[in-house]
Structure formats: structure tokens, C-alpha cells
């Protein structure tokens, strides 16, 4: 993995984190308004998927770092 590819992964993870934060804020706002869970559950589910994507991104960066150290 090149430095540019790693930087792109970090940038993507940051974008995903920001999106997850926005989805979480909307879900909380809907909860505060007394909306039924069915109104915001897809947002909660999406936040979980985003968290998984961020974890995968970080795992890829970690694996790359370990490979570079081994060389």
C-alpha cells in the first residue's frame, strides 16, 4: 500500500465517521421527538454498518503497518 492509498483510507474513515455522527444525531433527535423506533432503526443500523467499515479500514491500515515493519 502506498502512502497515497493509506491517506485515502484515513480520509475515507474520517468521512464515514462524520456520516455516522450525523446519522446518530438524527436518530437521537427522532427519539427525543417521541418517534417510534421503526422511524429511526434504519439509521441505527446504518451507523452500525459504518462502524464496521471504519473497523475494516483501520484493520487494513494496521495490517499494512505490520507488513512494512516486517520488511
N, C-alpha and C. Protein backbone atom coordinates (compact mmCIF):
# COMPACT_ATOMS: atom_id res chain seq x y z
N UNK A 1 0.85 -1.17 0.00
CA UNK A 1 0.00 0.00 0.00
C UNK A 1 0.90 1.23 0.00
N UNK A 2 0.56 2.13 -0.88
CA UNK A 2 1.35 3.36 -0.95
C UNK A 2 0.88 4.35 0.11
N UNK A 3 1.70 5.37 0.28
CA UNK A 3 1.34 6.43 1.22
C UNK A 3 0.03 7.08 0.79
N UNK A 4 -0.14 7.27 -0.50
CA UNK A 4 -1.36 7.90 -1.02
C UNK A 4 -2.59 7.02 -0.75
N UNK A 5 -2.44 5.72 -0.89
CA UNK A 5 -3.56 4.81 -0.62
C UNK A 5 -3.91 4.84 0.87
N UNK A 6 -2.90 4.84 1.71
CA UNK A 6 -3.15 4.90 3.15
C UNK A 6 -3.84 6.21 3.52
N UNK A 7 -3.39 7.30 2.92
CA UNK A 7 -4.01 8.59 3.19
C UNK A 7 -5.47 8.59 2.74
N UNK A 8 -5.75 7.95 1.63
CA UNK A 8 -7.14 7.86 1.14
C UNK A 8 -7.99 7.04 2.10
N UNK A 9 -7.43 5.95 2.62
CA UNK A 9 -8.17 5.15 3.61
C UNK A 9 -8.48 5.96 4.86
N UNK A 10 -7.51 6.73 5.32
CA UNK A 10 -7.73 7.56 6.51
C UNK A 10 -8.80 8.61 6.22
N UNK A 11 -8.73 9.22 5.05
CA UNK A 11 -9.72 10.23 4.67
C UNK A 11 -11.12 9.61 4.60
N UNK A 12 -11.20 8.43 4.03
CA UNK A 12 -12.49 7.74 3.93
C UNK A 12 -13.03 7.40 5.31
N UNK A 13 -12.16 6.93 6.18
CA UNK A 13 -12.59 6.62 7.55
C UNK A 13 -13.12 7.87 8.24
N UNK A 14 -12.44 9.00 8.04
CA UNK A 14 -12.92 10.25 8.62
C UNK A 14 -14.29 10.64 8.08
N UNK A 15 -14.48 10.48 6.76
CA UNK A 15 -15.77 10.77 6.15
C UNK A 15 -16.86 9.87 6.71
N UNK A 16 -16.55 8.58 6.85
CA UNK A 16 -17.52 7.64 7.40
C UNK A 16 -17.86 7.98 8.84
N UNK A 17 -16.87 8.38 9.61
CA UNK A 17 -17.11 8.75 10.99
C UNK A 17 -18.03 9.96 11.08
N UNK A 18 -17.80 10.94 10.23
CA UNK A 18 -18.66 12.13 10.21
C UNK A 18 -20.09 11.76 9.82
N UNK A 19 -20.24 10.88 8.82
CA UNK A 19 -21.56 10.44 8.42
C UNK A 19 -22.25 9.69 9.56
N UNK A 20 -21.53 8.82 10.22
CA UNK A 20 -22.09 8.09 11.35
C UNK A 20 -22.54 9.02 12.46
N UNK A 21 -21.76 10.06 12.72
CA UNK A 21 -22.13 11.04 13.74
C UNK A 21 -23.43 11.76 13.36
N UNK A 22 -23.55 12.10 12.07
CA UNK A 22 -24.78 12.78 11.61
C UNK A 22 -25.99 11.86 11.72
N UNK A 23 -25.83 10.61 11.31
CA UNK A 23 -26.94 9.66 11.42
C UNK A 23 -27.34 9.45 12.88
N UNK A 24 -26.36 9.37 13.74
CA UNK A 24 -26.62 9.20 15.17
C UNK A 24 -27.38 10.40 15.73
N UNK A 25 -26.98 11.59 15.32
CA UNK A 25 -27.66 12.80 15.79
C UNK A 25 -29.12 12.83 15.34
N UNK A 26 -29.37 12.42 14.08
CA UNK A 26 -30.75 12.39 13.57
C UNK A 26 -31.56 11.35 14.33
N UNK A 27 -30.98 10.18 14.55
CA UNK A 27 -31.69 9.13 15.30
C UNK A 27 -32.04 9.61 16.70
N UNK A 28 -31.10 10.29 17.36
CA UNK A 28 -31.38 10.81 18.71
C UNK A 28 -32.46 11.89 18.67
N UNK A 29 -32.43 12.73 17.65
CA UNK A 29 -33.46 13.77 17.53
C UNK A 29 -34.84 13.14 17.34
N UNK A 30 -34.91 12.09 16.53
CA UNK A 30 -36.19 11.41 16.35
C UNK A 30 -36.66 10.75 17.64
N UNK A 31 -35.73 10.20 18.39
CA UNK A 31 -36.07 9.60 19.68
C UNK A 31 -36.60 10.67 20.63
N UNK A 32 -35.91 11.80 20.67
CA UNK A 32 -36.33 12.89 21.55
C UNK A 32 -37.71 13.43 21.19
N UNK A 33 -38.07 13.35 19.90
CA UNK A 33 -39.38 13.80 19.45
C UNK A 33 -40.47 12.78 19.73
N UNK A 34 -40.06 11.62 20.23
CA UNK A 34 -41.03 10.58 20.55
C UNK A 34 -41.44 9.74 19.36
N UNK A 35 -40.65 9.76 18.31
CA UNK A 35 -40.95 8.96 17.13
C UNK A 35 -40.79 7.48 17.47
N UNK A 36 -41.58 6.62 16.83
CA UNK A 36 -41.42 5.19 17.09
C UNK A 36 -40.07 4.69 16.59
N UNK A 37 -39.61 3.64 17.22
CA UNK A 37 -38.29 3.10 16.87
C UNK A 37 -38.20 2.74 15.40
N UNK A 38 -39.30 2.34 14.80
CA UNK A 38 -39.26 1.97 13.38
C UNK A 38 -38.88 3.16 12.50
N UNK A 39 -39.06 4.38 13.01
CA UNK A 39 -38.70 5.58 12.25
C UNK A 39 -37.20 5.79 12.17
N UNK A 40 -36.49 5.36 13.18
CA UNK A 40 -35.06 5.64 13.22
C UNK A 40 -34.18 4.39 13.25
N UNK A 41 -34.78 3.22 13.33
CA UNK A 41 -33.98 1.99 13.37
C UNK A 41 -33.07 1.84 12.15
N UNK A 42 -33.53 2.18 10.93
CA UNK A 42 -32.60 2.08 9.79
C UNK A 42 -31.37 2.97 9.96
N UNK A 43 -31.53 4.11 10.61
CA UNK A 43 -30.37 4.98 10.86
C UNK A 43 -29.41 4.32 11.84
N UNK A 44 -29.97 3.70 12.86
CA UNK A 44 -29.13 3.00 13.84
C UNK A 44 -28.39 1.84 13.16
N UNK A 45 -29.12 1.12 12.31
CA UNK A 45 -28.49 0.01 11.58
C UNK A 45 -27.36 0.52 10.68
N UNK A 46 -27.61 1.63 9.99
CA UNK A 46 -26.59 2.20 9.10
C UNK A 46 -25.36 2.63 9.89
N UNK A 47 -25.59 3.18 11.08
CA UNK A 47 -24.47 3.59 11.92
C UNK A 47 -23.61 2.39 12.28
N UNK A 48 -24.25 1.25 12.55
CA UNK A 48 -23.51 0.03 12.84
C UNK A 48 -22.69 -0.44 11.64
N UNK A 49 -23.26 -0.33 10.45
CA UNK A 49 -22.53 -0.71 9.24
C UNK A 49 -21.34 0.22 9.01
N UNK A 50 -21.54 1.49 9.28
CA UNK A 50 -20.45 2.46 9.14
C UNK A 50 -19.34 2.14 10.12
N UNK A 51 -19.70 1.81 11.35
CA UNK A 51 -18.69 1.43 12.34
C UNK A 51 -17.90 0.22 11.86
N UNK A 52 -18.59 -0.74 11.26
CA UNK A 52 -17.90 -1.91 10.71
C UNK A 52 -16.94 -1.54 9.60
N UNK A 53 -17.36 -0.61 8.75
CA UNK A 53 -16.48 -0.17 7.66
C UNK A 53 -15.25 0.54 8.20
N UNK A 54 -15.44 1.35 9.23
CA UNK A 54 -14.31 2.04 9.84
C UNK A 54 -13.35 1.02 10.46
N UNK A 55 -13.89 0.04 11.14
CA UNK A 55 -13.04 -1.01 11.73
C UNK A 55 -12.25 -1.75 10.66
N UNK A 56 -12.90 -2.05 9.54
CA UNK A 56 -12.21 -2.72 8.44
C UNK A 56 -11.09 -1.85 7.88
N UNK A 57 -11.37 -0.56 7.77
CA UNK A 57 -10.36 0.38 7.27
C UNK A 57 -9.16 0.42 8.21
N UNK A 58 -9.44 0.51 9.49
CA UNK A 58 -8.35 0.55 10.47
C UNK A 58 -7.58 -0.76 10.49
N UNK A 59 -8.29 -1.88 10.33
CA UNK A 59 -7.61 -3.18 10.26
C UNK A 59 -6.68 -3.24 9.06
N UNK A 60 -7.12 -2.70 7.93
CA UNK A 60 -6.28 -2.69 6.73
C UNK A 60 -5.03 -1.85 6.96
N UNK A 61 -5.21 -0.70 7.60
CA UNK A 61 -4.05 0.15 7.89
C UNK A 61 -3.09 -0.53 8.87
N UNK A 62 -3.64 -1.20 9.86
CA UNK A 62 -2.81 -1.91 10.83
C UNK A 62 -2.04 -3.04 10.16
N UNK A 63 -2.73 -3.80 9.32
CA UNK A 63 -2.07 -4.90 8.61
C UNK A 63 -0.95 -4.37 7.74
N UNK A 64 -1.19 -3.27 7.06
CA UNK A 64 -0.16 -2.66 6.21
C UNK A 64 1.04 -2.21 7.04
N UNK A 65 0.75 -1.65 8.19
CA UNK A 65 1.82 -1.18 9.07
C UNK A 65 2.68 -2.35 9.55
N UNK A 66 2.02 -3.44 9.90
CA UNK A 66 2.74 -4.64 10.37
C UNK A 66 3.59 -5.22 9.24
N UNK A 67 3.03 -5.24 8.03
CA UNK A 67 3.78 -5.76 6.88
C UNK A 67 5.02 -4.92 6.61
N UNK A 68 4.87 -3.61 6.72
CA UNK A 68 6.02 -2.74 6.46
C UNK A 68 7.11 -2.92 7.51
N UNK A 69 6.69 -3.11 8.75
CA UNK A 69 7.69 -3.32 9.81
C UNK A 69 8.43 -4.61 9.62
N UNK A 70 7.75 -5.63 9.07
CA UNK A 70 8.38 -6.93 8.86
C UNK A 70 9.43 -6.88 7.76
N UNK A 71 9.31 -5.90 6.88
CA UNK A 71 10.30 -5.82 5.79
C UNK A 71 11.53 -5.23 6.31
